[in-house]
């Protein structure tokens, strides 16, 4: 997809996006691991091996692995319920992820949360919000805490395009823009907000255009190109660490 006009950026060239062999292999490893775990969970869910609802993220691996790869433990992730790739890449052990979906007492939440709400205090992954866009509000609060503590940690907040129609989402981004908080907002546009197509819930084509209203950059990229996702996210994370404020991808 073309870069958003809000960002005033062109798509990085192959030379600009050149990554080290170690980084490319690392991204591939986490993409593959995420897909294999996701496919296994889908089979187990269809077999009735665990209760509740399973939110598969097949096809969205690059949008969660790419931004998360290379983060520090002390950086915070504010996920929704399809961020399996982010949870794995951030370092939550697979045994804890499986224990969570099976509601086992050795899971981080002691078996008390709905499936796909992966979290870990040790790895900086917040409990996802069941309420759409709720995690962006709490994540923005974490970014404000980092600013008050004068830390160079960053927050990544994940959500779908449907969440951008919620009032709390707009309040969070407005607050982050005013205070230039160290947070990167990552919108995974899969064209559907549950049963409502994107064309019926927003009058814009590029959801990154919403960033303009809050005074920080927005950019639309190909969410299936893990190298582009990683490079653009890394640039936004670097901006945030240096105190230059948020970015909407």
Protein backbone atom coordinates (compact mmCIF):
# COMPACT_ATOMS: atom_id res chain seq x y z
CA UNK A 1 0.00 0.00 0.00
CA UNK A 2 1.25 3.54 -0.67
CA UNK A 3 2.66 5.61 2.13
CA UNK A 4 0.12 7.85 3.83
CA UNK A 5 0.17 11.53 2.88
CA UNK A 6 0.21 12.29 6.59
CA UNK A 7 3.68 10.84 6.92
CA UNK A 8 5.19 12.74 4.00
CA UNK A 9 7.46 9.73 3.49
CA UNK A 10 8.13 7.49 0.55
CA UNK A 11 8.46 3.76 0.94
CA UNK A 12 12.03 2.85 1.99
CA UNK A 13 14.20 1.54 -0.81
CA UNK A 14 15.76 -1.94 -0.66
CA UNK A 15 19.06 -0.31 0.27
CA UNK A 16 17.45 1.68 3.09
CA UNK A 17 15.67 -1.42 4.37
CA UNK A 18 18.73 -3.68 4.24
CA UNK A 19 18.81 -5.73 7.41
CA UNK A 20 21.53 -7.91 8.87
CA UNK A 21 21.40 -11.65 8.27
CA UNK A 22 20.92 -12.16 12.01
CA UNK A 23 17.87 -9.87 12.02
CA UNK A 24 16.31 -11.50 8.96
CA UNK A 25 16.80 -14.99 10.41
CA UNK A 26 15.41 -13.83 13.74
CA UNK A 27 12.30 -12.37 12.11
CA UNK A 28 11.79 -15.57 10.11
CA UNK A 29 12.16 -17.72 13.23
CA UNK A 30 9.47 -15.80 15.09
CA UNK A 31 7.15 -15.66 12.08
CA UNK A 32 7.38 -19.44 11.71
CA UNK A 33 7.02 -20.10 15.43
CA UNK A 34 3.95 -17.86 15.63
CA UNK A 35 2.27 -19.55 12.65
CA UNK A 36 2.99 -23.06 13.99
CA UNK A 37 1.63 -22.23 17.46
CA UNK A 38 -1.44 -20.52 15.96
CA UNK A 39 -2.24 -23.49 13.72
CA UNK A 40 -1.84 -25.86 16.66
CA UNK A 41 -4.19 -23.78 18.81
CA UNK A 42 -6.82 -23.71 16.05
CA UNK A 43 -6.76 -27.51 15.83
CA UNK A 44 -6.95 -27.90 19.60
CA UNK A 45 -9.84 -25.45 19.80
CA UNK A 46 -11.82 -27.29 17.11
CA UNK A 47 -11.21 -30.51 19.04
CA UNK A 48 -12.78 -28.93 22.11
CA UNK A 49 -9.55 -29.17 24.08
CA UNK A 50 -10.03 -25.74 25.67
CA UNK A 51 -13.08 -23.56 26.28
CA UNK A 52 -13.99 -20.00 25.35
CA UNK A 53 -13.17 -18.45 21.98
CA UNK A 54 -9.91 -18.64 20.04
CA UNK A 55 -8.86 -15.52 18.12
CA UNK A 56 -6.57 -16.69 15.34
CA UNK A 57 -4.00 -14.29 13.94
CA UNK A 58 -3.10 -16.24 10.80
CA UNK A 59 -2.02 -13.76 8.13
CA UNK A 60 -1.20 -11.03 10.64
CA UNK A 61 2.10 -12.41 11.93
CA UNK A 62 4.30 -9.76 10.32
CA UNK A 63 2.35 -6.92 11.93
CA UNK A 64 3.05 -8.29 15.42
CA UNK A 65 6.49 -9.90 15.04
CA UNK A 66 8.04 -7.06 13.00
CA UNK A 67 7.46 -4.23 15.51
CA UNK A 68 8.22 -6.34 18.60
CA UNK A 69 11.49 -7.90 17.45
CA UNK A 70 14.39 -6.22 19.25
CA UNK A 71 12.42 -4.61 22.09
CA UNK A 72 13.79 -4.56 25.63
CA UNK A 73 12.12 -6.44 28.51
CA UNK A 74 11.33 -3.11 30.15
CA UNK A 75 9.48 -1.83 27.08
CA UNK A 76 5.73 -2.34 27.33
CA UNK A 77 3.30 -3.94 24.89
CA UNK A 78 -0.39 -3.02 25.08
CA UNK A 79 -1.98 -5.81 23.00
CA UNK A 80 -5.44 -6.70 21.79
CA UNK A 81 -6.48 -10.37 21.49
CA UNK A 82 -4.74 -11.28 18.19
CA UNK A 83 -1.19 -10.44 19.27
CA UNK A 84 0.10 -13.99 19.70
CA UNK A 85 3.15 -13.04 17.61
CA UNK A 86 3.94 -10.09 19.85
CA UNK A 87 3.65 -12.24 22.99
CA UNK A 88 5.98 -14.88 21.56
CA UNK A 89 8.50 -12.37 20.17
CA UNK A 90 8.55 -10.39 23.42
CA UNK A 91 9.68 -13.57 25.14
CA UNK A 92 6.70 -15.09 26.97
CA UNK A 93 7.60 -18.81 27.25
CA UNK A 94 5.43 -21.09 25.12
CA UNK A 95 4.60 -23.20 28.16
CA UNK A 96 2.98 -20.12 29.74
CA UNK A 97 1.09 -19.29 26.55
CA UNK A 98 -0.31 -22.81 26.31
CA UNK A 99 -1.07 -22.88 30.03
CA UNK A 100 -3.02 -19.67 29.61
CA UNK A 101 -5.31 -20.97 26.86
CA UNK A 102 -5.84 -24.18 28.82
CA UNK A 103 -6.62 -22.15 31.99
CA UNK A 104 -3.93 -23.93 34.01
CA UNK A 105 -2.83 -22.73 37.42
CA UNK A 106 0.77 -22.34 36.18
CA UNK A 107 -0.23 -19.68 33.63
CA UNK A 108 0.62 -16.02 34.46
CA UNK A 109 -3.07 -15.30 35.18
CA UNK A 110 -3.59 -18.50 37.23
CA UNK A 111 -6.23 -19.63 34.74
CA UNK A 112 -8.57 -16.71 35.34
CA UNK A 113 -8.59 -14.95 31.95
CA UNK A 114 -10.26 -15.62 28.62
CA UNK A 115 -8.13 -17.41 25.96
CA UNK A 116 -5.79 -15.20 23.88
CA UNK A 117 -5.32 -12.65 26.67
CA UNK A 118 -1.59 -13.40 26.96
CA UNK A 119 0.37 -11.32 29.45
CA UNK A 120 3.57 -11.26 31.47
CA UNK A 121 4.80 -8.69 33.96
CA UNK A 122 8.36 -10.01 33.59
CA UNK A 123 8.30 -9.50 29.82
CA UNK A 124 6.38 -6.23 29.79
CA UNK A 125 3.18 -7.51 28.17
CA UNK A 126 -0.01 -6.01 29.59
CA UNK A 127 -3.19 -8.05 29.95
CA UNK A 128 -5.13 -7.35 26.72
CA UNK A 129 -8.37 -5.43 27.05
CA UNK A 130 -11.56 -7.23 26.04
CA UNK A 131 -13.09 -3.79 25.45
CA UNK A 132 -12.06 -2.50 22.03
CA UNK A 133 -9.30 0.12 22.27
CA UNK A 134 -9.10 -0.21 26.05
CA UNK A 135 -5.45 -1.25 25.86
CA UNK A 136 -4.50 1.93 23.99
CA UNK A 137 -5.69 4.02 26.93
CA UNK A 138 -3.72 2.03 29.52
CA UNK A 139 -0.71 1.88 27.19
CA UNK A 140 -0.79 5.66 26.82
CA UNK A 141 -0.80 5.88 30.61
CA UNK A 142 2.30 3.67 30.73
CA UNK A 143 4.00 5.97 28.24
CA UNK A 144 3.17 8.95 30.47
CA UNK A 145 4.69 7.08 33.43
CA UNK A 146 7.90 6.57 31.46
CA UNK A 147 7.95 10.30 30.70
CA UNK A 148 7.47 11.21 34.37
CA UNK A 149 10.21 8.76 35.42
CA UNK A 150 12.52 10.13 32.70
CA UNK A 151 13.08 6.66 31.22
CA UNK A 152 13.73 5.99 27.54
CA UNK A 153 11.40 2.98 27.47
CA UNK A 154 8.67 2.79 24.85
CA UNK A 155 5.16 1.37 24.52
CA UNK A 156 3.68 -0.45 21.52
CA UNK A 157 -0.13 -0.41 21.38
CA UNK A 158 -1.81 -2.86 18.98
CA UNK A 159 -5.39 -2.73 17.71
CA UNK A 160 -7.55 -3.25 14.65
CA UNK A 161 -9.02 -0.55 12.45
CA UNK A 162 -12.38 -1.02 14.17
CA UNK A 163 -10.89 0.30 17.42
CA UNK A 164 -10.22 3.67 15.77
CA UNK A 165 -13.97 4.37 15.91
CA UNK A 166 -14.00 4.28 19.71
CA UNK A 167 -13.95 7.49 21.70
CA UNK A 168 -11.31 6.29 24.14
CA UNK A 169 -8.94 5.59 21.25
CA UNK A 170 -9.14 9.22 20.09
CA UNK A 171 -8.68 10.52 23.62
CA UNK A 172 -5.56 8.39 24.06
CA UNK A 173 -3.96 9.56 20.82
CA UNK A 174 -4.84 13.18 21.50
CA UNK A 175 -3.23 12.97 24.95
CA UNK A 176 -0.12 11.29 23.53
CA UNK A 177 0.18 13.96 20.85
CA UNK A 178 -0.12 16.81 23.33
CA UNK A 179 2.55 15.38 25.64
CA UNK A 180 4.76 13.81 22.94
CA UNK A 181 4.69 10.46 24.70
CA UNK A 182 7.01 7.53 23.84
CA UNK A 183 4.41 5.27 22.25
CA UNK A 184 3.88 3.69 18.83
CA UNK A 185 0.31 2.89 17.82
CA UNK A 186 0.02 -0.07 15.43
CA UNK A 187 -3.24 -0.50 13.55
CA UNK A 188 -3.76 -3.88 11.88
CA UNK A 189 -6.27 -3.20 9.16
CA UNK A 190 -7.75 -6.56 8.19
CA UNK A 191 -10.69 -4.76 6.53
CA UNK A 192 -13.28 -6.01 9.03
CA UNK A 193 -14.38 -4.78 12.48
CA UNK A 194 -16.06 -8.06 13.44
CA UNK A 195 -19.00 -8.12 10.97
CA UNK A 196 -18.66 -4.52 9.75
CA UNK A 197 -16.43 -3.80 6.73
CA UNK A 198 -13.96 -0.94 7.01
CA UNK A 199 -15.78 0.97 4.26
CA UNK A 200 -18.90 1.24 6.45
CA UNK A 201 -17.17 2.35 9.64
CA UNK A 202 -14.79 5.05 8.37
CA UNK A 203 -14.84 7.59 5.55
CA UNK A 204 -11.08 7.39 4.96
CA UNK A 205 -8.95 4.91 3.05
CA UNK A 206 -5.75 5.14 5.09
CA UNK A 207 -6.40 4.94 8.82
CA UNK A 208 -2.96 6.45 9.44
CA UNK A 209 -4.46 9.76 8.27
CA UNK A 210 -6.10 10.01 11.70
CA UNK A 211 -2.68 10.86 13.21
CA UNK A 212 -2.74 14.28 11.56
CA UNK A 213 -5.50 15.43 13.92
CA UNK A 214 -3.25 14.77 16.91
CA UNK A 215 -0.03 16.30 15.65
CA UNK A 216 2.22 13.33 15.00
CA UNK A 217 3.25 11.21 11.99
CA UNK A 218 1.11 8.47 10.50
CA UNK A 219 2.21 6.03 7.80
CA UNK A 220 0.47 3.23 5.90
CA UNK A 221 2.61 0.26 4.88
CA UNK A 222 2.25 -3.31 3.62
CA UNK A 223 1.51 -5.31 6.76
CA UNK A 224 2.59 -8.55 5.10
CA UNK A 225 6.11 -7.29 4.37
CA UNK A 226 7.88 -8.12 7.62
CA UNK A 227 11.07 -6.29 6.61
CA UNK A 228 9.18 -3.07 5.89
CA UNK A 229 7.13 -3.44 9.06
CA UNK A 230 10.26 -3.96 11.14
CA UNK A 231 12.15 -1.04 9.57
CA UNK A 232 9.30 1.48 9.86
CA UNK A 233 8.52 0.34 13.41
CA UNK A 234 12.18 0.54 14.42
CA UNK A 235 12.34 4.12 13.12
CA UNK A 236 9.19 5.03 15.08
CA UNK A 237 10.53 3.36 18.23
CA UNK A 238 13.80 5.29 17.87
CA UNK A 239 11.81 8.53 17.54
CA UNK A 240 9.88 7.71 20.70
CA UNK A 241 13.02 6.86 22.69
CA UNK A 242 14.54 10.21 21.76
CA UNK A 243 11.50 12.10 23.06
CA UNK A 244 10.12 13.02 19.66
CA UNK A 245 6.66 11.65 20.34
CA UNK A 246 4.25 9.02 18.99
CA UNK A 247 3.74 7.51 15.57
CA UNK A 248 0.67 5.78 14.11
CA UNK A 249 1.47 2.89 11.75
